[in-house]
Structures are given as C-alpha cells and as structure tokens.
C-alpha cells in the first residue's frame, strides 16, 4: 500500500489522565450523565466521564454545540483544557448499569441533548472520587450538543475485567482478563446472551470467595 502523505505530529500532551481503579471511583452514579467536552472552536469532541463501574464508553468526535446562553469566549477558551458538559435530560443514575441496547438508544449519529457546561476544576492528572462534585452554579453556558457520524459506544468490552464484588442491587456476572473473549476466539457482542457470561470460576471468583 503506497503512502498517501507524510507528516510530523508535535505538541502532544495529556488532556485528562483518569485511573479507573476502585479507590478512585465514586460511591454512586451521577444524577445526570457528564461528558468531557474538549477541542477547539472548529472541532469539538465529547467523552463520557467514567465515575463508577459497571459503565459504558461513549465517545463522539466532531460534535456541534449550539450555545443558548453564556459567555462564548469563556466557553471557547475552556475547550483547550476540557470542560464538563452535563446532559440535563439523561438520568444516568436511573439508567445504570447500561447495556448495549440502552446506549444505542441515547448515543447515535444525529442525537441531540441539552447540556449545562462547567469549568473542570481539576487538572489533567487529578484522580477521583469526586471529579463531578461542586461543579459550580450557575454553569458557564447552556446549549445543545448534536452528535455527528463519528460516534463510538461500548457497554461490554469496557466491563470485561470489572470486579465481581458490587452492591446486591447491581450484582452482575463479569469475566476476568484471562476469560476475555478476544482470547477465546469470540468477538464483542451483546453480553446478555454471550456464552462467556455464564457462571465461571476465575481466579477473581476464588479470591472473592476466600
């Protein structure tokens, strides 16, 4: 395959570095779904903030934001380091734990949702819990986010190595890394009917029982 073009990428930096280990997660899901909103005035992107497990990765590139109120210059300036956009009409706490079907109902090309936009008071290396606590009131802006064609949603692979010890109300069976479908000749799919999600005896199960 011939090379189309060559170039050099410079000024690479870390925008957000967040650990997903248990000590850094919140004790409860947020009331409404928060996203990191970042980029430039010409190119904006969002990523779902993963504050608790199990969860779903929701990412969209090249979204459009229609500001309904707020300081536009402050909004544009905040995109460089990343803002927090809370989807006012997506009640994450009531919807979790999310599955593949539910994320497809809310996160797809052309989807629109109203958001309240806040400064992220934490720096790039800050760890949870509490990354969405005390966002500030009022928000710096309010608007409508519209997703473009560049979307990604996953509620299965991201949970493949989640711990099995959870509150009884959210208890589900998860596979550990040595049972990962990629190492069993299976691709990702709907976990509800996946054969690997039957009762398995992994090292994590035995450790938790002990």
N, C-alpha and C. Protein backbone atom coordinates (compact mmCIF):
# COMPACT_ATOMS: atom_id res chain seq x y z
N UNK A 1 0.85 -1.20 0.00
CA UNK A 1 0.00 0.00 0.00
C UNK A 1 0.88 1.24 0.00
N UNK A 2 0.67 2.14 -0.94
CA UNK A 2 1.50 3.33 -1.05
C UNK A 2 1.12 4.36 0.00
N UNK A 3 2.08 5.18 0.38
CA UNK A 3 1.87 6.23 1.36
C UNK A 3 1.13 7.40 0.72
N UNK A 4 0.06 7.84 1.35
CA UNK A 4 -0.70 8.98 0.83
C UNK A 4 0.03 10.27 1.12
N UNK A 5 0.48 10.42 2.35
CA UNK A 5 1.22 11.62 2.73
C UNK A 5 1.98 11.33 4.01
N UNK A 6 2.94 12.15 4.29
CA UNK A 6 3.74 12.03 5.50
C UNK A 6 3.74 13.35 6.23
N UNK A 7 3.89 13.28 7.55
CA UNK A 7 3.92 14.49 8.35
C UNK A 7 4.48 14.20 9.72
N UNK A 8 4.60 15.22 10.51
CA UNK A 8 5.12 15.11 11.86
C UNK A 8 4.13 15.71 12.84
N UNK A 9 3.80 14.94 13.87
CA UNK A 9 2.89 15.42 14.91
C UNK A 9 3.70 15.98 16.07
N UNK A 10 3.38 17.18 16.49
CA UNK A 10 4.10 17.83 17.58
C UNK A 10 3.11 18.32 18.63
N UNK A 11 3.64 18.80 19.73
CA UNK A 11 2.85 19.38 20.82
C UNK A 11 1.81 18.38 21.34
N UNK A 12 2.24 17.14 21.54
CA UNK A 12 1.35 16.12 22.08
C UNK A 12 1.33 16.25 23.60
N UNK A 13 0.16 16.31 24.18
CA UNK A 13 0.05 16.45 25.63
C UNK A 13 -1.12 15.66 26.17
N UNK A 14 -1.15 15.48 27.49
CA UNK A 14 -2.22 14.76 28.16
C UNK A 14 -3.31 15.75 28.54
N UNK A 15 -4.50 15.50 28.04
CA UNK A 15 -5.63 16.38 28.36
C UNK A 15 -6.29 15.96 29.66
N UNK A 16 -6.59 14.65 29.78
CA UNK A 16 -7.15 14.10 31.01
C UNK A 16 -6.53 12.72 31.25
N UNK A 17 -6.02 12.50 32.45
CA UNK A 17 -5.48 11.20 32.82
C UNK A 17 -6.24 10.74 34.06
N UNK A 18 -7.14 9.78 33.87
CA UNK A 18 -8.01 9.34 34.95
C UNK A 18 -7.89 7.83 35.14
N UNK A 19 -7.57 7.41 36.36
CA UNK A 19 -7.49 5.98 36.67
C UNK A 19 -8.89 5.44 36.95
N UNK A 20 -9.13 4.19 36.53
CA UNK A 20 -10.43 3.56 36.73
C UNK A 20 -10.38 2.48 37.80
N UNK A 21 -9.33 2.47 38.61
CA UNK A 21 -9.24 1.51 39.71
C UNK A 21 -10.26 1.88 40.78
N UNK A 22 -10.68 0.87 41.55
CA UNK A 22 -11.74 1.06 42.54
C UNK A 22 -11.53 2.22 43.51
N UNK A 23 -10.31 2.45 44.04
CA UNK A 23 -10.15 3.55 45.01
C UNK A 23 -10.47 4.92 44.45
N UNK A 24 -10.48 5.06 43.12
CA UNK A 24 -10.68 6.37 42.51
C UNK A 24 -12.09 6.57 41.97
N UNK A 25 -12.98 5.61 42.23
CA UNK A 25 -14.34 5.70 41.70
C UNK A 25 -15.31 6.26 42.74
N UNK A 26 -16.39 6.86 42.27
CA UNK A 26 -17.40 7.42 43.16
C UNK A 26 -18.25 6.31 43.79
N UNK A 27 -18.82 6.56 44.95
CA UNK A 27 -19.69 5.55 45.58
C UNK A 27 -21.04 5.40 44.88
N UNK A 28 -21.47 6.41 44.13
CA UNK A 28 -22.74 6.35 43.42
C UNK A 28 -22.58 6.94 42.02
N UNK A 29 -23.51 6.61 41.14
CA UNK A 29 -23.52 7.21 39.81
C UNK A 29 -23.99 8.66 39.89
N UNK A 30 -23.57 9.51 38.96
CA UNK A 30 -24.06 10.89 38.96
C UNK A 30 -25.54 10.94 38.59
N UNK A 31 -26.22 11.97 39.03
CA UNK A 31 -27.65 12.10 38.73
C UNK A 31 -27.88 12.20 37.23
N UNK A 32 -27.16 13.08 36.56
CA UNK A 32 -27.25 13.24 35.11
C UNK A 32 -25.90 12.91 34.49
N UNK A 33 -25.91 12.51 33.23
CA UNK A 33 -24.70 11.99 32.59
C UNK A 33 -23.71 13.11 32.24
N UNK A 34 -22.48 13.04 32.77
CA UNK A 34 -21.47 14.05 32.47
C UNK A 34 -20.51 13.59 31.36
N UNK A 35 -20.06 14.54 30.57
CA UNK A 35 -19.10 14.29 29.50
C UNK A 35 -17.96 15.29 29.60
N UNK A 36 -16.76 14.85 29.21
CA UNK A 36 -15.70 15.81 28.94
C UNK A 36 -15.96 16.39 27.55
N UNK A 37 -15.91 17.70 27.45
CA UNK A 37 -16.10 18.41 26.19
C UNK A 37 -14.81 19.18 25.93
N UNK A 38 -14.16 18.92 24.79
CA UNK A 38 -12.84 19.48 24.57
C UNK A 38 -12.59 19.67 23.07
N UNK A 39 -11.51 20.40 22.76
CA UNK A 39 -11.15 20.63 21.37
C UNK A 39 -10.91 22.10 21.07
N UNK A 40 -11.42 22.53 19.92
CA UNK A 40 -11.29 23.92 19.50
C UNK A 40 -12.65 24.41 19.03
N UNK A 41 -12.73 25.68 18.69
CA UNK A 41 -13.99 26.24 18.20
C UNK A 41 -14.42 25.56 16.91
N UNK A 42 -13.44 25.09 16.13
CA UNK A 42 -13.76 24.46 14.85
C UNK A 42 -13.97 22.95 14.97
N UNK A 43 -13.49 22.34 16.04
CA UNK A 43 -13.55 20.88 16.14
C UNK A 43 -13.70 20.48 17.61
N UNK A 44 -14.90 20.03 18.00
CA UNK A 44 -15.18 19.68 19.39
C UNK A 44 -15.52 18.20 19.52
N UNK A 45 -15.16 17.63 20.66
CA UNK A 45 -15.36 16.21 20.91
C UNK A 45 -15.88 16.01 22.33
N UNK A 46 -16.54 14.87 22.56
CA UNK A 46 -17.01 14.55 23.92
C UNK A 46 -16.66 13.11 24.27
N UNK A 47 -16.44 12.88 25.56
CA UNK A 47 -16.22 11.54 26.10
C UNK A 47 -16.95 11.43 27.44
N UNK A 48 -17.70 10.34 27.60
CA UNK A 48 -18.43 10.10 28.84
C UNK A 48 -17.46 9.96 30.00
N UNK A 49 -17.75 10.63 31.11
CA UNK A 49 -16.92 10.51 32.31
C UNK A 49 -17.28 9.21 33.02
N UNK A 50 -16.29 8.35 33.21
CA UNK A 50 -16.50 7.04 33.85
C UNK A 50 -16.20 7.18 35.33
N UNK A 51 -17.25 7.34 36.12
CA UNK A 51 -17.10 7.64 37.54
C UNK A 51 -17.38 6.44 38.44
N UNK A 52 -17.94 5.38 37.87
CA UNK A 52 -18.31 4.20 38.66
C UNK A 52 -18.44 3.00 37.72
N UNK A 53 -18.28 1.80 38.27
CA UNK A 53 -18.44 0.59 37.46
C UNK A 53 -19.67 -0.18 37.93
N UNK A 54 -20.29 -0.98 37.00
CA UNK A 54 -20.01 -1.06 35.57
C UNK A 54 -20.42 0.22 34.86
N UNK A 55 -19.95 0.38 33.60
CA UNK A 55 -20.23 1.62 32.91
C UNK A 55 -20.19 1.41 31.41
N UNK A 56 -20.25 2.50 30.67
CA UNK A 56 -20.24 2.43 29.21
C UNK A 56 -19.37 3.54 28.66
N UNK A 57 -18.55 3.20 27.67
CA UNK A 57 -17.74 4.20 27.00
C UNK A 57 -18.55 4.82 25.88
N UNK A 58 -18.71 6.13 25.92
CA UNK A 58 -19.47 6.87 24.91
C UNK A 58 -18.58 8.01 24.42
N UNK A 59 -18.15 7.93 23.18
CA UNK A 59 -17.24 8.93 22.62
C UNK A 59 -17.78 9.42 21.29
N UNK A 60 -17.63 10.71 21.04
CA UNK A 60 -18.07 11.28 19.77
C UNK A 60 -17.11 12.38 19.34
N UNK A 61 -16.65 12.29 18.10
CA UNK A 61 -15.78 13.31 17.55
C UNK A 61 -16.56 14.26 16.65
N UNK A 62 -16.08 15.48 16.59
CA UNK A 62 -16.66 16.48 15.69
C UNK A 62 -18.15 16.69 15.96
N UNK A 63 -18.47 16.95 17.23
CA UNK A 63 -19.84 17.29 17.59
C UNK A 63 -20.06 18.77 17.34
N UNK A 64 -21.31 19.17 17.27
CA UNK A 64 -21.63 20.60 17.18
C UNK A 64 -22.30 21.03 18.48
N UNK A 65 -21.99 22.23 18.90
CA UNK A 65 -22.57 22.79 20.13
C UNK A 65 -23.23 24.11 19.80
N UNK A 66 -24.52 24.18 20.06
CA UNK A 66 -25.27 25.42 19.89
C UNK A 66 -25.44 26.05 21.26
N UNK A 67 -24.77 27.15 21.50
CA UNK A 67 -24.88 27.83 22.79
C UNK A 67 -26.20 28.60 22.86
N UNK A 68 -26.94 28.35 23.92
CA UNK A 68 -28.21 29.04 24.13
C UNK A 68 -28.05 30.21 25.08
N UNK A 69 -27.08 30.09 25.97
CA UNK A 69 -26.77 31.18 26.89
C UNK A 69 -25.36 30.98 27.43
N UNK A 70 -24.76 32.08 27.88
CA UNK A 70 -23.41 32.00 28.43
C UNK A 70 -22.42 32.79 27.61
N UNK A 71 -21.20 32.92 28.15
CA UNK A 71 -20.13 33.68 27.53
C UNK A 71 -19.41 32.80 26.52
N UNK A 72 -19.54 33.13 25.22
CA UNK A 72 -18.95 32.31 24.17
C UNK A 72 -17.42 32.30 24.24
N UNK A 73 -16.81 33.42 24.53
CA UNK A 73 -15.35 33.49 24.61
C UNK A 73 -14.82 32.64 25.76
N UNK A 74 -15.53 32.62 26.89
CA UNK A 74 -15.13 31.79 28.02
C UNK A 74 -15.29 30.31 27.67
N UNK A 75 -16.34 29.99 26.94
CA UNK A 75 -16.58 28.62 26.50
C UNK A 75 -15.46 28.15 25.57
N UNK A 76 -15.11 28.94 24.58
CA UNK A 76 -14.06 28.58 23.63
C UNK A 76 -12.72 28.40 24.34
N UNK A 77 -12.42 29.30 25.26
CA UNK A 77 -11.15 29.22 25.99
C UNK A 77 -11.08 27.95 26.83
N UNK A 78 -12.22 27.52 27.38
CA UNK A 78 -12.23 26.33 28.23
C UNK A 78 -12.06 25.04 27.48
N UNK A 79 -12.35 25.03 26.18
CA UNK A 79 -12.25 23.80 25.39
C UNK A 79 -10.84 23.25 25.36
N UNK A 80 -9.84 24.11 25.41
CA UNK A 80 -8.44 23.68 25.29
C UNK A 80 -8.05 22.71 26.40
N UNK A 81 -8.48 23.00 27.63
CA UNK A 81 -8.15 22.11 28.75
C UNK A 81 -9.24 21.12 29.06
N UNK A 82 -10.41 21.28 28.45
CA UNK A 82 -11.52 20.36 28.69
C UNK A 82 -12.54 20.91 29.65
N UNK A 83 -13.78 20.97 29.20
CA UNK A 83 -14.90 21.37 30.04
C UNK A 83 -15.71 20.14 30.44
N UNK A 84 -16.66 20.32 31.33
CA UNK A 84 -17.58 19.24 31.70
C UNK A 84 -18.98 19.66 31.25
N UNK A 85 -19.56 18.83 30.38
CA UNK A 85 -20.91 19.09 29.87
C UNK A 85 -21.84 18.03 30.45
N UNK A 86 -22.79 18.45 31.26
CA UNK A 86 -23.73 17.54 31.91
C UNK A 86 -25.02 17.49 31.09
N UNK A 87 -25.36 16.28 30.61
CA UNK A 87 -26.58 16.10 29.82
C UNK A 87 -27.78 16.16 30.76
N UNK A 88 -28.50 17.26 30.73
CA UNK A 88 -29.57 17.51 31.69
C UNK A 88 -30.73 16.53 31.56
N UNK A 89 -30.90 15.92 30.38
CA UNK A 89 -32.07 15.06 30.15
C UNK A 89 -31.72 13.57 30.13
N UNK A 90 -30.48 13.21 30.51
CA UNK A 90 -30.09 11.80 30.56
C UNK A 90 -29.81 11.42 32.01
N UNK A 91 -30.76 10.81 32.71
CA UNK A 91 -30.61 10.49 34.14
C UNK A 91 -29.74 9.24 34.34
N UNK A 92 -28.44 9.44 34.38
CA UNK A 92 -27.52 8.29 34.42
C UNK A 92 -27.78 7.37 35.61
N UNK A 93 -28.04 7.94 36.78
CA UNK A 93 -28.23 7.11 37.98
C UNK A 93 -29.41 6.15 37.81
N UNK A 94 -30.45 6.59 37.12
CA UNK A 94 -31.62 5.74 36.92
C UNK A 94 -31.39 4.72 35.82
N UNK A 95 -30.49 5.00 34.88
CA UNK A 95 -30.28 4.13 33.73
C UNK A 95 -29.22 3.06 33.97
N UNK A 96 -28.31 3.31 34.89
CA UNK A 96 -27.24 2.35 35.13
C UNK A 96 -27.74 1.11 35.87
N UNK A 97 -27.09 -0.06 35.61
CA UNK A 97 -25.99 -0.26 34.68
C UNK A 97 -26.46 -0.30 33.24
N UNK A 98 -25.73 0.38 32.37
CA UNK A 98 -26.08 0.48 30.96
C UNK A 98 -25.73 -0.80 30.22
N UNK A 99 -26.49 -1.11 29.18
CA UNK A 99 -26.19 -2.24 28.31
C UNK A 99 -26.10 -1.73 26.88
N UNK A 100 -25.72 -2.61 25.97
CA UNK A 100 -25.53 -2.19 24.58
C UNK A 100 -26.78 -1.58 23.99
N UNK A 101 -27.94 -2.19 24.24
CA UNK A 101 -29.19 -1.67 23.68
C UNK A 101 -29.53 -0.29 24.22
N UNK A 102 -29.32 -0.07 25.50
CA UNK A 102 -29.69 1.22 26.09
C UNK A 102 -28.79 2.34 25.61
N UNK A 103 -27.48 2.06 25.43
CA UNK A 103 -26.61 3.13 24.96
C UNK A 103 -26.91 3.49 23.51
N UNK A 104 -27.35 2.50 22.72
CA UNK A 104 -27.70 2.79 21.33
C UNK A 104 -28.94 3.68 21.24
N UNK A 105 -29.77 3.66 22.27
CA UNK A 105 -30.99 4.47 22.26
C UNK A 105 -30.70 5.94 22.56
N UNK A 106 -29.58 6.23 23.21
CA UNK A 106 -29.29 7.61 23.58
C UNK A 106 -28.08 8.19 22.86
N UNK A 107 -27.23 7.32 22.30
CA UNK A 107 -25.96 7.79 21.74
C UNK A 107 -25.80 7.24 20.33
N UNK A 108 -26.11 8.06 19.34
CA UNK A 108 -26.08 7.63 17.95
C UNK A 108 -25.92 8.88 17.08
N UNK A 109 -25.45 8.74 15.83
CA UNK A 109 -25.30 9.90 14.96
C UNK A 109 -26.60 10.67 14.81
N UNK A 110 -26.52 11.96 15.04
CA UNK A 110 -27.71 12.81 14.94
C UNK A 110 -28.41 13.05 16.26
N UNK A 111 -28.04 12.33 17.31
CA UNK A 111 -28.68 12.52 18.62
C UNK A 111 -28.38 13.92 19.15
N UNK A 112 -29.35 14.51 19.82
CA UNK A 112 -29.21 15.83 20.41
C UNK A 112 -29.54 15.75 21.90
N UNK A 113 -28.82 16.47 22.72
CA UNK A 113 -29.22 16.60 24.11
C UNK A 113 -28.78 17.93 24.69
N UNK A 114 -29.64 18.43 25.57
CA UNK A 114 -29.36 19.70 26.23
C UNK A 114 -28.31 19.49 27.31
N UNK A 115 -27.38 20.45 27.41
CA UNK A 115 -26.30 20.31 28.38
C UNK A 115 -26.11 21.61 29.16
N UNK A 116 -25.66 21.43 30.39
CA UNK A 116 -25.14 22.54 31.20
C UNK A 116 -23.62 22.37 31.22
N UNK A 117 -22.88 23.44 30.94
CA UNK A 117 -21.44 23.35 30.74
C UNK A 117 -20.71 24.07 31.87
N UNK A 118 -19.71 23.37 32.41
CA UNK A 118 -18.97 23.87 33.57
C UNK A 118 -17.46 23.82 33.30
N UNK A 119 -16.73 24.66 34.01
CA UNK A 119 -15.28 24.52 34.04
C UNK A 119 -14.93 23.23 34.79
N UNK A 120 -13.89 22.54 34.35
CA UNK A 120 -13.37 21.40 35.11
C UNK A 120 -12.36 21.96 36.11
N UNK A 121 -12.69 21.87 37.39
CA UNK A 121 -11.85 22.45 38.43
C UNK A 121 -10.61 21.59 38.74
N UNK A 122 -10.51 20.44 38.11
CA UNK A 122 -9.39 19.53 38.37
C UNK A 122 -8.40 19.59 37.21
N UNK A 123 -7.10 19.42 37.54
CA UNK A 123 -6.09 19.46 36.49
C UNK A 123 -6.03 18.11 35.77
N UNK A 124 -5.15 18.01 34.79
CA UNK A 124 -5.10 16.85 33.90
C UNK A 124 -4.80 15.54 34.64
N UNK A 125 -4.04 15.61 35.72
CA UNK A 125 -3.62 14.40 36.42
C UNK A 125 -4.45 14.09 37.66
N UNK A 126 -5.45 14.89 37.96
CA UNK A 126 -6.26 14.67 39.17
C UNK A 126 -7.03 13.36 39.09
N UNK A 127 -7.16 12.69 40.23
CA UNK A 127 -7.88 11.43 40.30
C UNK A 127 -9.12 11.57 41.19
N UNK A 128 -10.10 10.68 40.96
CA UNK A 128 -11.31 10.68 41.76
C UNK A 128 -11.07 10.03 43.10
N UNK A 129 -12.13 9.88 43.90
CA UNK A 129 -13.52 10.23 43.57
C UNK A 129 -13.79 11.73 43.66
N UNK A 130 -15.00 12.11 43.26
CA UNK A 130 -15.43 13.49 43.40
C UNK A 130 -15.10 14.39 42.23
N UNK A 131 -14.83 13.82 41.05
CA UNK A 131 -14.46 14.65 39.90
C UNK A 131 -15.61 15.51 39.40
N UNK A 132 -16.84 15.15 39.75
CA UNK A 132 -18.01 15.94 39.34
C UNK A 132 -18.68 16.64 40.52
N UNK A 133 -18.05 16.61 41.67
CA UNK A 133 -18.61 17.30 42.83
C UNK A 133 -18.31 18.80 42.73
N UNK A 134 -19.22 19.60 43.18
CA UNK A 134 -19.04 21.04 43.27
C UNK A 134 -18.60 21.64 41.94
N UNK A 135 -19.39 21.41 40.92
CA UNK A 135 -19.06 21.95 39.60
C UNK A 135 -19.20 23.47 39.55
N UNK A 136 -20.02 23.99 40.43
CA UNK A 136 -20.24 25.43 40.43
C UNK A 136 -21.63 25.76 39.90
N UNK A 137 -22.21 26.80 40.41
CA UNK A 137 -23.55 27.20 40.00
C UNK A 137 -23.61 28.73 39.94
N UNK A 138 -24.02 29.32 38.86
CA UNK A 138 -24.58 28.65 37.66
C UNK A 138 -23.47 28.15 36.74
N UNK A 139 -23.83 27.33 35.73
CA UNK A 139 -22.84 26.88 34.75
C UNK A 139 -22.36 28.06 33.91
N UNK A 140 -21.22 27.89 33.23
CA UNK A 140 -20.70 28.99 32.40
C UNK A 140 -21.49 29.13 31.11
N UNK A 141 -22.20 28.06 30.73
CA UNK A 141 -23.01 28.12 29.49
C UNK A 141 -24.03 26.99 29.49
N UNK A 142 -25.03 27.15 28.66
CA UNK A 142 -26.00 26.09 28.39
C UNK A 142 -26.17 25.99 26.88
N UNK A 143 -26.44 24.77 26.41
CA UNK A 143 -26.57 24.63 24.98
C UNK A 143 -27.11 23.28 24.56
N UNK A 144 -27.04 23.01 23.27
CA UNK A 144 -27.49 21.76 22.68
C UNK A 144 -26.32 21.11 21.95
N UNK A 145 -26.00 19.88 22.30
CA UNK A 145 -24.96 19.12 21.61
C UNK A 145 -25.63 18.20 20.59
N UNK A 146 -25.10 18.20 19.38
CA UNK A 146 -25.57 17.29 18.32
C UNK A 146 -24.41 16.40 17.91
N UNK A 147 -24.63 15.09 17.95
CA UNK A 147 -23.59 14.14 17.57
C UNK A 147 -23.51 14.03 16.05
N UNK A 148 -22.28 13.90 15.54
CA UNK A 148 -22.07 13.68 14.12
C UNK A 148 -21.96 12.19 13.82
N UNK A 149 -21.37 11.87 12.68
CA UNK A 149 -21.26 10.46 12.27
C UNK A 149 -20.17 9.71 13.03
N UNK A 150 -19.23 10.43 13.62
CA UNK A 150 -18.10 9.81 14.31
C UNK A 150 -18.45 9.52 15.77
N UNK A 151 -19.14 8.41 16.02
CA UNK A 151 -19.53 8.04 17.38
C UNK A 151 -19.05 6.63 17.71
N UNK A 152 -18.82 6.38 18.99
CA UNK A 152 -18.43 5.05 19.47
C UNK A 152 -19.13 4.80 20.80
N UNK A 153 -19.77 3.65 20.93
CA UNK A 153 -20.47 3.29 22.17
C UNK A 153 -20.18 1.84 22.50
N UNK A 154 -19.75 1.58 23.74
CA UNK A 154 -19.44 0.21 24.16
C UNK A 154 -19.82 0.04 25.63
N UNK A 155 -20.67 -0.94 25.90
CA UNK A 155 -21.05 -1.26 27.28
C UNK A 155 -20.65 -2.69 27.62
N UNK A 156 -19.81 -3.29 26.80
CA UNK A 156 -19.43 -4.69 27.02
C UNK A 156 -17.93 -4.85 27.26
N UNK A 157 -17.11 -4.48 26.27
CA UNK A 157 -15.67 -4.69 26.39
C UNK A 157 -15.10 -3.93 27.58
N UNK A 158 -15.61 -2.72 27.83
CA UNK A 158 -15.06 -1.91 28.91
C UNK A 158 -15.29 -2.54 30.28
N UNK A 159 -16.31 -3.41 30.38
CA UNK A 159 -16.62 -4.07 31.65
C UNK A 159 -16.06 -5.48 31.75
N UNK A 160 -15.29 -5.91 30.76
CA UNK A 160 -14.84 -7.30 30.72
C UNK A 160 -13.94 -7.67 31.88
N UNK A 161 -13.25 -6.71 32.48
CA UNK A 161 -12.36 -7.01 33.60
C UNK A 161 -12.81 -6.32 34.88
N UNK A 162 -14.09 -5.98 34.96
CA UNK A 162 -14.61 -5.32 36.16
C UNK A 162 -14.68 -6.30 37.32
N UNK A 163 -14.46 -5.85 38.57
CA UNK A 163 -14.55 -6.75 39.71
C UNK A 163 -15.96 -7.29 39.89
N UNK A 164 -16.07 -8.48 40.47
CA UNK A 164 -17.37 -9.11 40.64
C UNK A 164 -18.07 -8.69 41.92
N UNK A 165 -17.38 -8.04 42.85
CA UNK A 165 -17.99 -7.64 44.11
C UNK A 165 -18.63 -6.27 43.93
N UNK A 166 -19.96 -6.22 43.98
CA UNK A 166 -20.71 -4.99 43.83
C UNK A 166 -21.93 -5.05 44.75
N UNK A 167 -22.59 -3.91 44.97
CA UNK A 167 -23.81 -3.93 45.77
C UNK A 167 -24.81 -4.92 45.19
N UNK A 168 -25.61 -5.54 46.06
CA UNK A 168 -26.54 -6.58 45.65
C UNK A 168 -27.49 -6.10 44.57
N UNK A 169 -27.90 -4.81 44.64
CA UNK A 169 -28.86 -4.28 43.68
C UNK A 169 -28.27 -4.18 42.27
N UNK A 170 -26.92 -4.21 42.16
CA UNK A 170 -26.30 -4.06 40.86
C UNK A 170 -25.48 -5.30 40.51
N UNK A 171 -25.70 -6.41 41.21
CA UNK A 171 -24.87 -7.57 41.02
C UNK A 171 -25.08 -8.19 39.65
N UNK A 172 -23.96 -8.32 38.92
CA UNK A 172 -23.97 -8.96 37.62
C UNK A 172 -22.71 -9.81 37.50
N UNK A 173 -22.67 -10.68 36.53
CA UNK A 173 -21.51 -11.53 36.34
C UNK A 173 -20.61 -10.94 35.28
N UNK A 174 -19.32 -10.78 35.60
CA UNK A 174 -18.37 -10.23 34.65
C UNK A 174 -17.21 -11.22 34.49
N UNK A 175 -16.61 -11.21 33.31
CA UNK A 175 -15.49 -12.09 33.06
C UNK A 175 -14.20 -11.36 33.39
N UNK A 176 -13.18 -12.10 33.79
CA UNK A 176 -11.89 -11.50 34.09
C UNK A 176 -10.99 -11.58 32.87
N UNK A 177 -9.79 -11.00 32.98
CA UNK A 177 -8.95 -10.81 31.80
C UNK A 177 -8.58 -12.12 31.13
N UNK A 178 -8.34 -13.21 31.91
CA UNK A 178 -7.95 -14.45 31.25
C UNK A 178 -9.13 -15.12 30.55
N UNK A 179 -10.35 -14.65 30.81
CA UNK A 179 -11.53 -15.17 30.12
C UNK A 179 -12.02 -14.20 29.03
N UNK A 180 -11.21 -13.20 28.72
CA UNK A 180 -11.61 -12.18 27.76
C UNK A 180 -11.95 -12.83 26.42
N UNK A 181 -13.04 -12.39 25.77
CA UNK A 181 -13.47 -13.03 24.53
C UNK A 181 -12.43 -13.00 23.43
N UNK A 182 -11.56 -12.00 23.41
CA UNK A 182 -10.55 -11.93 22.37
C UNK A 182 -9.56 -13.10 22.47
N UNK A 183 -9.44 -13.68 23.67
CA UNK A 183 -8.53 -14.80 23.86
C UNK A 183 -9.26 -16.13 23.77
N UNK A 184 -10.55 -16.08 23.51
CA UNK A 184 -11.34 -17.29 23.37
C UNK A 184 -11.86 -17.46 21.94
N UNK A 185 -11.42 -16.59 21.03
CA UNK A 185 -11.88 -16.69 19.64
C UNK A 185 -13.24 -16.09 19.40
N UNK A 186 -13.69 -15.25 20.33
CA UNK A 186 -15.01 -14.62 20.18
C UNK A 186 -14.81 -13.12 20.07
N UNK A 187 -15.66 -12.48 19.32
CA UNK A 187 -15.63 -11.03 19.23
C UNK A 187 -16.62 -10.42 20.19
N UNK A 188 -16.58 -9.10 20.37
CA UNK A 188 -17.52 -8.44 21.27
C UNK A 188 -18.94 -8.54 20.75
N UNK A 189 -19.87 -8.64 21.67
CA UNK A 189 -21.28 -8.72 21.28
C UNK A 189 -22.15 -8.33 22.43
N UNK A 190 -23.41 -8.60 22.33
CA UNK A 190 -24.35 -8.27 23.40
C UNK A 190 -24.10 -9.19 24.58
N UNK A 191 -23.70 -8.66 25.76
CA UNK A 191 -23.34 -9.51 26.89
C UNK A 191 -24.49 -10.34 27.43
N UNK A 192 -25.70 -9.91 27.21
CA UNK A 192 -26.85 -10.59 27.80
C UNK A 192 -26.91 -12.06 27.39
N UNK A 193 -26.51 -12.36 26.15
CA UNK A 193 -26.61 -13.72 25.65
C UNK A 193 -25.24 -14.32 25.35
N UNK A 194 -24.18 -13.69 25.81
CA UNK A 194 -22.85 -14.17 25.48
C UNK A 194 -22.53 -15.41 26.30
N UNK A 195 -21.99 -16.47 25.68
CA UNK A 195 -21.75 -17.71 26.40
C UNK A 195 -20.71 -17.57 27.50
N UNK A 196 -19.81 -16.59 27.39
CA UNK A 196 -18.79 -16.44 28.40
C UNK A 196 -19.31 -15.80 29.68
N UNK A 197 -20.54 -15.30 29.64
CA UNK A 197 -21.09 -14.66 30.83
C UNK A 197 -21.91 -15.62 31.68
N UNK A 198 -21.80 -16.90 31.42
CA UNK A 198 -22.38 -17.88 32.30
C UNK A 198 -21.49 -17.99 33.53
N UNK A 199 -21.92 -18.68 34.54
CA UNK A 199 -21.14 -18.79 35.77
C UNK A 199 -19.78 -19.40 35.46
N UNK A 200 -18.72 -18.66 35.77
CA UNK A 200 -17.37 -19.16 35.55
C UNK A 200 -16.61 -19.11 36.85
N UNK A 201 -15.57 -19.94 36.93
CA UNK A 201 -14.75 -19.99 38.14
C UNK A 201 -13.38 -19.43 37.79
N UNK A 202 -13.20 -18.12 37.95
CA UNK A 202 -11.94 -17.49 37.64
C UNK A 202 -11.16 -17.27 38.94
N UNK A 203 -9.91 -16.82 38.77
CA UNK A 203 -9.11 -16.54 39.97
C UNK A 203 -9.75 -15.45 40.81
N UNK A 204 -10.46 -14.50 40.14
CA UNK A 204 -11.11 -13.43 40.91
C UNK A 204 -12.27 -13.97 41.73
N UNK A 205 -13.04 -14.91 41.15
CA UNK A 205 -14.14 -15.54 41.90
C UNK A 205 -13.60 -16.25 43.14
N UNK A 206 -12.55 -17.03 42.94
CA UNK A 206 -11.99 -17.80 44.07
C UNK A 206 -11.43 -16.87 45.13
N UNK A 207 -10.78 -15.78 44.69
CA UNK A 207 -10.23 -14.83 45.65
C UNK A 207 -11.35 -14.17 46.46
N UNK A 208 -12.43 -13.73 45.77
CA UNK A 208 -13.54 -13.10 46.49
C UNK A 208 -14.22 -14.06 47.45
N UNK A 209 -14.37 -15.34 47.05
CA UNK A 209 -14.97 -16.33 47.94
C UNK A 209 -14.09 -16.53 49.18
N UNK A 210 -12.77 -16.55 48.95
CA UNK A 210 -11.85 -16.72 50.08
C UNK A 210 -11.93 -15.55 51.04
